[in-house]
């Protein structure tokens, strides 16, 4: 049986992700583009792997069950993958918001024009990085849908993009 576990937030900032794991008291080690957690499943330690501009959580799909037999007994409170990722996402969003607020605060406090410009560029870079990732994901979805014979209509609902896929059968 397979499981699909989604988060609304793409984990694109390593520092915020590590802080979220620290806050949740999840032990981890860093190996190149991988954050290996203490959570163990049938295949080995579960980990966040940097791929395609974000950290993706790699795990055995059976790890989403509460009575998971291979779990690491050293983990104080075992959570299903869905619950774990929801907790990580909540903390990540807090730290990411704090990071953006800190950039904004430093911008407001900066007295010299050069410092203000540098901090403004950093805030714009963070936002552009996020927008670029969202656009890349949207294009990939559209290309995949077109390849499968769907026509695509794009609607903007508030601050969100809604893609409507239609497949006509004759």
Protein backbone atom coordinates (compact mmCIF):
# COMPACT_ATOMS: atom_id res chain seq x y z
CA UNK A 1 0.00 0.00 0.00
CA UNK A 2 1.31 3.45 -0.80
CA UNK A 3 0.75 6.79 0.87
CA UNK A 4 0.77 10.31 -0.45
CA UNK A 5 1.69 12.87 2.18
CA UNK A 6 1.57 16.51 1.16
CA UNK A 7 2.49 19.76 2.81
CA UNK A 8 1.26 23.15 1.72
CA UNK A 9 4.67 24.62 2.48
CA UNK A 10 7.68 23.67 0.35
CA UNK A 11 10.69 23.29 2.65
CA UNK A 12 13.11 25.49 0.69
CA UNK A 13 15.08 27.08 3.55
CA UNK A 14 17.49 24.66 5.22
CA UNK A 15 18.08 26.86 8.27
CA UNK A 16 14.35 27.10 9.04
CA UNK A 17 13.88 23.36 8.50
CA UNK A 18 16.73 22.55 10.91
CA UNK A 19 15.30 24.95 13.51
CA UNK A 20 11.89 23.27 13.15
CA UNK A 21 13.46 19.84 13.72
CA UNK A 22 15.35 21.20 16.75
CA UNK A 23 12.13 22.66 18.18
CA UNK A 24 10.43 19.28 17.81
CA UNK A 25 13.46 17.63 19.45
CA UNK A 26 14.13 15.47 16.41
CA UNK A 27 17.74 14.35 16.29
CA UNK A 28 19.36 14.47 12.86
CA UNK A 29 22.65 14.42 10.99
CA UNK A 30 23.50 16.33 7.84
CA UNK A 31 25.08 14.47 4.93
CA UNK A 32 25.64 16.68 1.89
CA UNK A 33 22.13 17.42 0.52
CA UNK A 34 20.36 15.17 3.03
CA UNK A 35 19.07 15.69 6.57
CA UNK A 36 18.88 12.21 8.11
CA UNK A 37 16.46 12.04 11.05
CA UNK A 38 16.35 9.64 13.98
CA UNK A 39 13.01 8.30 12.69
CA UNK A 40 13.55 4.77 11.40
CA UNK A 41 11.36 2.78 9.05
CA UNK A 42 11.67 -0.51 7.17
CA UNK A 43 14.23 0.89 4.72
CA UNK A 44 16.35 2.83 7.24
CA UNK A 45 16.35 6.33 8.67
CA UNK A 46 13.75 8.70 7.28
CA UNK A 47 15.30 11.81 5.79
CA UNK A 48 14.75 15.11 4.07
CA UNK A 49 16.55 15.13 0.71
CA UNK A 50 17.22 18.35 -1.19
CA UNK A 51 15.78 17.78 -4.64
CA UNK A 52 14.40 20.12 -7.27
CA UNK A 53 14.79 23.22 -5.10
CA UNK A 54 13.23 21.89 -1.90
CA UNK A 55 13.64 19.31 0.83
CA UNK A 56 11.43 16.25 0.30
CA UNK A 57 10.76 13.76 3.08
CA UNK A 58 11.74 10.21 2.11
CA UNK A 59 10.10 7.39 4.02
CA UNK A 60 8.50 3.98 3.72
CA UNK A 61 4.77 4.40 3.02
CA UNK A 62 3.83 2.05 5.85
CA UNK A 63 5.33 4.61 8.25
CA UNK A 64 2.07 6.51 8.04
CA UNK A 65 0.32 3.95 10.24
CA UNK A 66 0.08 4.42 13.99
CA UNK A 67 1.11 0.82 14.82
CA UNK A 68 4.28 1.09 12.79
CA UNK A 69 6.48 -1.92 13.74
CA UNK A 70 9.93 -0.62 12.71
CA UNK A 71 9.79 2.74 14.43
CA UNK A 72 12.72 4.00 16.44
CA UNK A 73 11.87 3.39 20.08
CA UNK A 74 14.21 6.22 21.15
CA UNK A 75 11.77 8.76 19.72
CA UNK A 76 9.80 10.11 22.71
CA UNK A 77 6.46 10.40 20.98
CA UNK A 78 5.95 8.45 17.77
CA UNK A 79 3.91 10.27 15.16
CA UNK A 80 2.67 9.06 11.82
CA UNK A 81 4.39 10.63 8.83
CA UNK A 82 1.35 12.87 8.25
CA UNK A 83 1.37 14.10 11.85
CA UNK A 84 5.14 14.48 11.86
CA UNK A 85 5.18 16.53 8.65
CA UNK A 86 2.29 18.67 9.86
CA UNK A 87 4.24 19.45 13.05
CA UNK A 88 7.41 20.20 11.05
CA UNK A 89 5.43 22.40 8.66
CA UNK A 90 3.88 24.38 11.52
CA UNK A 91 7.27 25.07 13.13
CA UNK A 92 8.95 25.72 9.76
CA UNK A 93 6.34 28.37 8.92
CA UNK A 94 6.95 30.08 12.28
CA UNK A 95 10.71 30.21 11.75
CA UNK A 96 10.34 31.29 8.11
CA UNK A 97 8.00 34.12 9.16
CA UNK A 98 10.48 35.11 11.88
CA UNK A 99 13.29 35.14 9.34
CA UNK A 100 11.32 37.38 6.99
CA UNK A 101 10.31 39.61 9.91
CA UNK A 102 13.96 39.85 11.00
CA UNK A 103 15.01 40.92 7.51
CA UNK A 104 12.25 43.53 7.55
CA UNK A 105 13.19 44.71 11.06
CA UNK A 106 16.84 45.09 10.09
CA UNK A 107 15.75 46.96 6.99
CA UNK A 108 13.72 49.39 9.09
CA UNK A 109 16.59 49.93 11.52
CA UNK A 110 19.28 50.36 8.92
CA UNK A 111 20.58 53.92 8.85
CA UNK A 112 22.87 53.70 5.88
CA UNK A 113 21.46 53.54 2.39
CA UNK A 114 23.75 50.69 1.34
CA UNK A 115 22.59 48.50 4.22
CA UNK A 116 18.94 49.20 3.40
CA UNK A 117 19.51 48.29 -0.22
CA UNK A 118 21.27 45.05 0.71
CA UNK A 119 18.49 43.98 3.08
CA UNK A 120 15.78 44.95 0.59
CA UNK A 121 17.53 42.85 -2.06
CA UNK A 122 17.67 39.91 0.37
CA UNK A 123 13.93 40.17 1.06
CA UNK A 124 13.24 40.38 -2.69
CA UNK A 125 15.55 37.42 -3.33
CA UNK A 126 13.70 35.29 -0.76
CA UNK A 127 10.34 36.18 -2.30
CA UNK A 128 11.62 35.68 -5.87
CA UNK A 129 13.02 32.29 -4.87
CA UNK A 130 9.63 31.26 -3.52
CA UNK A 131 7.79 32.56 -6.60
CA UNK A 132 10.25 30.85 -8.95
CA UNK A 133 9.71 27.55 -7.19
CA UNK A 134 5.91 27.90 -7.40
CA UNK A 135 6.14 28.81 -11.11
CA UNK A 136 8.43 25.84 -11.80
CA UNK A 137 5.96 23.49 -10.09
CA UNK A 138 3.05 25.00 -12.05
CA UNK A 139 4.86 24.54 -15.37
CA UNK A 140 5.70 20.92 -14.52
CA UNK A 141 2.05 20.20 -13.70
CA UNK A 142 0.88 21.84 -16.92
CA UNK A 143 3.39 19.95 -19.06
CA UNK A 144 2.46 16.64 -17.46
CA UNK A 145 -1.26 17.34 -17.89
CA UNK A 146 -0.82 18.32 -21.55
CA UNK A 147 1.17 15.15 -22.16
CA UNK A 148 -1.77 13.17 -20.81
CA UNK A 149 -4.24 14.94 -23.09
CA UNK A 150 -5.74 17.52 -20.76
CA UNK A 151 -6.54 21.11 -21.64
CA UNK A 152 -5.63 23.57 -18.92
CA UNK A 153 -7.36 26.71 -17.75
CA UNK A 154 -5.67 28.90 -15.19
CA UNK A 155 -7.68 30.97 -12.73
CA UNK A 156 -6.48 33.26 -9.98
CA UNK A 157 -8.52 32.95 -6.79
CA UNK A 158 -7.27 35.54 -4.32
CA UNK A 159 -3.54 34.94 -3.94
CA UNK A 160 -3.76 31.37 -5.23
CA UNK A 161 -3.51 29.92 -8.71
CA UNK A 162 -6.15 27.36 -9.58
CA UNK A 163 -5.48 25.04 -12.51
CA UNK A 164 -8.54 23.43 -14.06
CA UNK A 165 -7.73 20.32 -16.08
CA UNK A 166 -10.31 19.16 -18.65
CA UNK A 167 -10.12 16.02 -20.67
CA UNK A 168 -12.51 15.63 -23.56
CA UNK A 169 -13.41 12.14 -24.67
CA UNK A 170 -15.08 11.68 -28.01
